[in-house]
Amino acid sequence: MAHSNSAKKRVRQNIKRRAINRWRLRSMRMAIKSFETKLTRGSIDEASDALRSVCQIIDKTAQKRVIHANQAARRKSRLNKRFVAAKNAG
C-alpha cells in the first residue's frame, strides 16, 4: 500500500488511466466486430464506411499509446485485406 501522498496520488491516477484505456480498447473491439458483421452480411458499402471509422479508432488508440503503433498497423492491414477479399468475391 502506498504511504506517501505522491504515491497515493499515483495510485489514483493509475486507476483513472486504466479505466480510460480499457474503455478505448473496448470501443475499438466493438467497432471491429461491427465491421466484421457488416462484412459477413455482404453489405460492402456499409462495410466500407465501417472500415474507415474502424481505422480512425485504431489510429486514435495507437496515438494515445493504448496499443503499439505496429499493432495498429497490423490490425488495419488485416481488416483491409479481409475487406478487399470480400469485395472481390462478391
C-alpha atoms as a PDB file:
ATOM      1  CA  MET A   1       0.000   0.000   0.000  1.00  0.00           C
ATOM      2  CA  ALA A   2       1.188   3.493  -0.820  1.00  0.00           C
ATOM      3  CA  HIS A   3       2.324   5.569   2.152  1.00  0.00           C
ATOM      4  CA  SER A   4       3.440   8.934   0.800  1.00  0.00           C
ATOM      5  CA  ASN A   5       0.986  11.427  -0.629  1.00  0.00           C
ATOM      6  CA  SER A   6       2.634  11.340  -4.052  1.00  0.00           C
ATOM      7  CA  ALA A   7       2.412   7.547  -4.155  1.00  0.00           C
ATOM      8  CA  LYS A   8      -1.267   7.694  -3.202  1.00  0.00           C
ATOM      9  CA  LYS A   9      -1.861  10.201  -5.984  1.00  0.00           C
ATOM     10  CA  ARG A  10      -0.089   7.927  -8.482  1.00  0.00           C
ATOM     11  CA  VAL A  11      -2.388   5.080  -7.451  1.00  0.00           C
ATOM     12  CA  ARG A  12      -5.438   7.286  -8.088  1.00  0.00           C
ATOM     13  CA  GLN A  13      -4.066   8.381 -11.470  1.00  0.00           C
ATOM     14  CA  ASN A  14      -3.301   4.800 -12.485  1.00  0.00           C
ATOM     15  CA  ILE A  15      -6.837   3.708 -11.659  1.00  0.00           C
ATOM     16  CA  LYS A  16      -8.285   6.528 -13.788  1.00  0.00           C
ATOM     17  CA  ARG A  17      -5.951   5.865 -16.700  1.00  0.00           C
ATOM     18  CA  ARG A  18      -6.622   2.139 -16.600  1.00  0.00           C
ATOM     19  CA  ALA A  19     -10.370   2.768 -16.805  1.00  0.00           C
ATOM     20  CA  ILE A  20      -9.927   5.122 -19.764  1.00  0.00           C
ATOM     21  CA  ASN A  21      -7.600   2.693 -21.564  1.00  0.00           C
ATOM     22  CA  ARG A  22      -9.995  -0.202 -21.027  1.00  0.00           C
ATOM     23  CA  TRP A  23     -12.818   1.935 -22.457  1.00  0.00           C
ATOM     24  CA  ARG A  24     -10.712   2.773 -25.524  1.00  0.00           C
ATOM     25  CA  LEU A  25      -9.854  -0.900 -26.107  1.00  0.00           C
ATOM     26  CA  ARG A  26     -13.476  -1.926 -25.652  1.00  0.00           C
ATOM     27  CA  SER A  27     -14.729   0.680 -28.141  1.00  0.00           C
ATOM     28  CA  MET A  28     -12.062  -0.398 -30.638  1.00  0.00           C
ATOM     29  CA  ARG A  29     -13.072  -4.060 -30.342  1.00  0.00           C
ATOM     30  CA  MET A  30     -16.764  -3.193 -30.686  1.00  0.00           C
ATOM     31  CA  ALA A  31     -16.056  -1.189 -33.843  1.00  0.00           C
ATOM     32  CA  ILE A  32     -14.088  -4.109 -35.303  1.00  0.00           C
ATOM     33  CA  LYS A  33     -16.949  -6.506 -34.509  1.00  0.00           C
ATOM     34  CA  SER A  34     -19.420  -4.135 -36.150  1.00  0.00           C
ATOM     35  CA  PHE A  35     -17.259  -4.008 -39.278  1.00  0.00           C
ATOM     36  CA  GLU A  36     -16.969  -7.806 -39.392  1.00  0.00           C
ATOM     37  CA  THR A  37     -20.717  -8.332 -39.061  1.00  0.00           C
ATOM     38  CA  LYS A  38     -21.366  -5.889 -41.903  1.00  0.00           C
ATOM     39  CA  LEU A  39     -18.758  -7.685 -43.965  1.00  0.00           C
ATOM     40  CA  THR A  40     -20.265 -11.129 -43.360  1.00  0.00           C
ATOM     41  CA  ARG A  41     -23.732  -9.784 -44.157  1.00  0.00           C
ATOM     42  CA  GLY A  42     -22.412  -8.820 -47.554  1.00  0.00           C
ATOM     43  CA  SER A  43     -23.164  -5.104 -47.445  1.00  0.00           C
ATOM     44  CA  ILE A  44     -19.944  -3.793 -48.977  1.00  0.00           C
ATOM     45  CA  ASP A  45     -20.967  -0.111 -48.854  1.00  0.00           C
ATOM     46  CA  GLU A  46     -21.701  -0.242 -45.132  1.00  0.00           C
ATOM     47  CA  ALA A  47     -18.529  -2.244 -44.549  1.00  0.00           C
ATOM     48  CA  SER A  48     -16.517   0.384 -46.410  1.00  0.00           C
ATOM     49  CA  ASP A  49     -17.823   3.132 -44.132  1.00  0.00           C
ATOM     50  CA  ALA A  50     -17.271   0.935 -41.090  1.00  0.00           C
ATOM     51  CA  LEU A  51     -13.693   0.188 -42.172  1.00  0.00           C
ATOM     52  CA  ARG A  52     -12.954   3.899 -42.426  1.00  0.00           C
ATOM     53  CA  SER A  53     -14.285   4.560 -38.925  1.00  0.00           C
ATOM     54  CA  VAL A  54     -12.500   1.496 -37.501  1.00  0.00           C
ATOM     55  CA  CYS A  55      -9.195   2.700 -38.940  1.00  0.00           C
ATOM     56  CA  GLN A  56      -9.731   6.097 -37.326  1.00  0.00           C
ATOM     57  CA  ILE A  57     -10.473   4.494 -33.966  1.00  0.00           C
ATOM     58  CA  ILE A  58      -7.434   2.211 -34.236  1.00  0.00           C
ATOM     59  CA  ASP A  59      -5.214   5.179 -35.122  1.00  0.00           C
ATOM     60  CA  LYS A  60      -6.557   7.165 -32.177  1.00  0.00           C
ATOM     61  CA  THR A  61      -5.966   4.227 -29.838  1.00  0.00           C
ATOM     62  CA  ALA A  62      -2.375   3.936 -31.041  1.00  0.00           C
ATOM     63  CA  GLN A  63      -1.878   7.686 -30.820  1.00  0.00           C
ATOM     64  CA  LYS A  64      -2.905   7.557 -27.152  1.00  0.00           C
ATOM     65  CA  ARG A  65      -0.404   4.687 -26.731  1.00  0.00           C
ATOM     66  CA  VAL A  66      -3.011   2.219 -25.564  1.00  0.00           C
ATOM     67  CA  ILE A  67      -1.764  -0.146 -28.271  1.00  0.00           C
ATOM     68  CA  HIS A  68       1.570  -0.134 -30.063  1.00  0.00           C
ATOM     69  CA  ALA A  69       1.803   1.581 -33.447  1.00  0.00           C
ATOM     70  CA  ASN A  70       2.884  -1.660 -35.118  1.00  0.00           C
ATOM     71  CA  GLN A  71      -0.118  -3.467 -33.674  1.00  0.00           C
ATOM     72  CA  ALA A  72      -2.378  -0.743 -35.051  1.00  0.00           C
ATOM     73  CA  ALA A  73      -0.810  -1.064 -38.499  1.00  0.00           C
ATOM     74  CA  ARG A  74      -1.136  -4.849 -38.383  1.00  0.00           C
ATOM     75  CA  ARG A  75      -4.799  -4.706 -37.382  1.00  0.00           C
ATOM     76  CA  LYS A  76      -5.642  -2.174 -40.099  1.00  0.00           C
ATOM     77  CA  SER A  77      -3.779  -4.210 -42.705  1.00  0.00           C
ATOM     78  CA  ARG A  78      -5.611  -7.411 -41.820  1.00  0.00           C
ATOM     79  CA  LEU A  79      -9.006  -5.710 -41.786  1.00  0.00           C
ATOM     80  CA  ASN A  80      -8.318  -4.087 -45.146  1.00  0.00           C
ATOM     81  CA  LYS A  81      -7.166  -7.415 -46.581  1.00  0.00           C
ATOM     82  CA  ARG A  82     -10.410  -9.034 -45.425  1.00  0.00           C
ATOM     83  CA  PHE A  83     -12.434  -6.188 -46.922  1.00  0.00           C
ATOM     84  CA  VAL A  84     -10.713  -6.421 -50.319  1.00  0.00           C
ATOM     85  CA  ALA A  85     -11.177 -10.203 -50.392  1.00  0.00           C
ATOM     86  CA  ALA A  86     -14.895  -9.861 -49.635  1.00  0.00           C
ATOM     87  CA  LYS A  87     -15.255  -7.083 -52.196  1.00  0.00           C
ATOM     88  CA  ASN A  88     -13.609  -9.163 -54.928  1.00  0.00           C
ATOM     89  CA  ALA A  89     -15.562 -12.287 -54.004  1.00  0.00           C
ATOM     90  CA  GLY A  90     -18.953 -10.631 -54.150  1.00  0.00           C
END
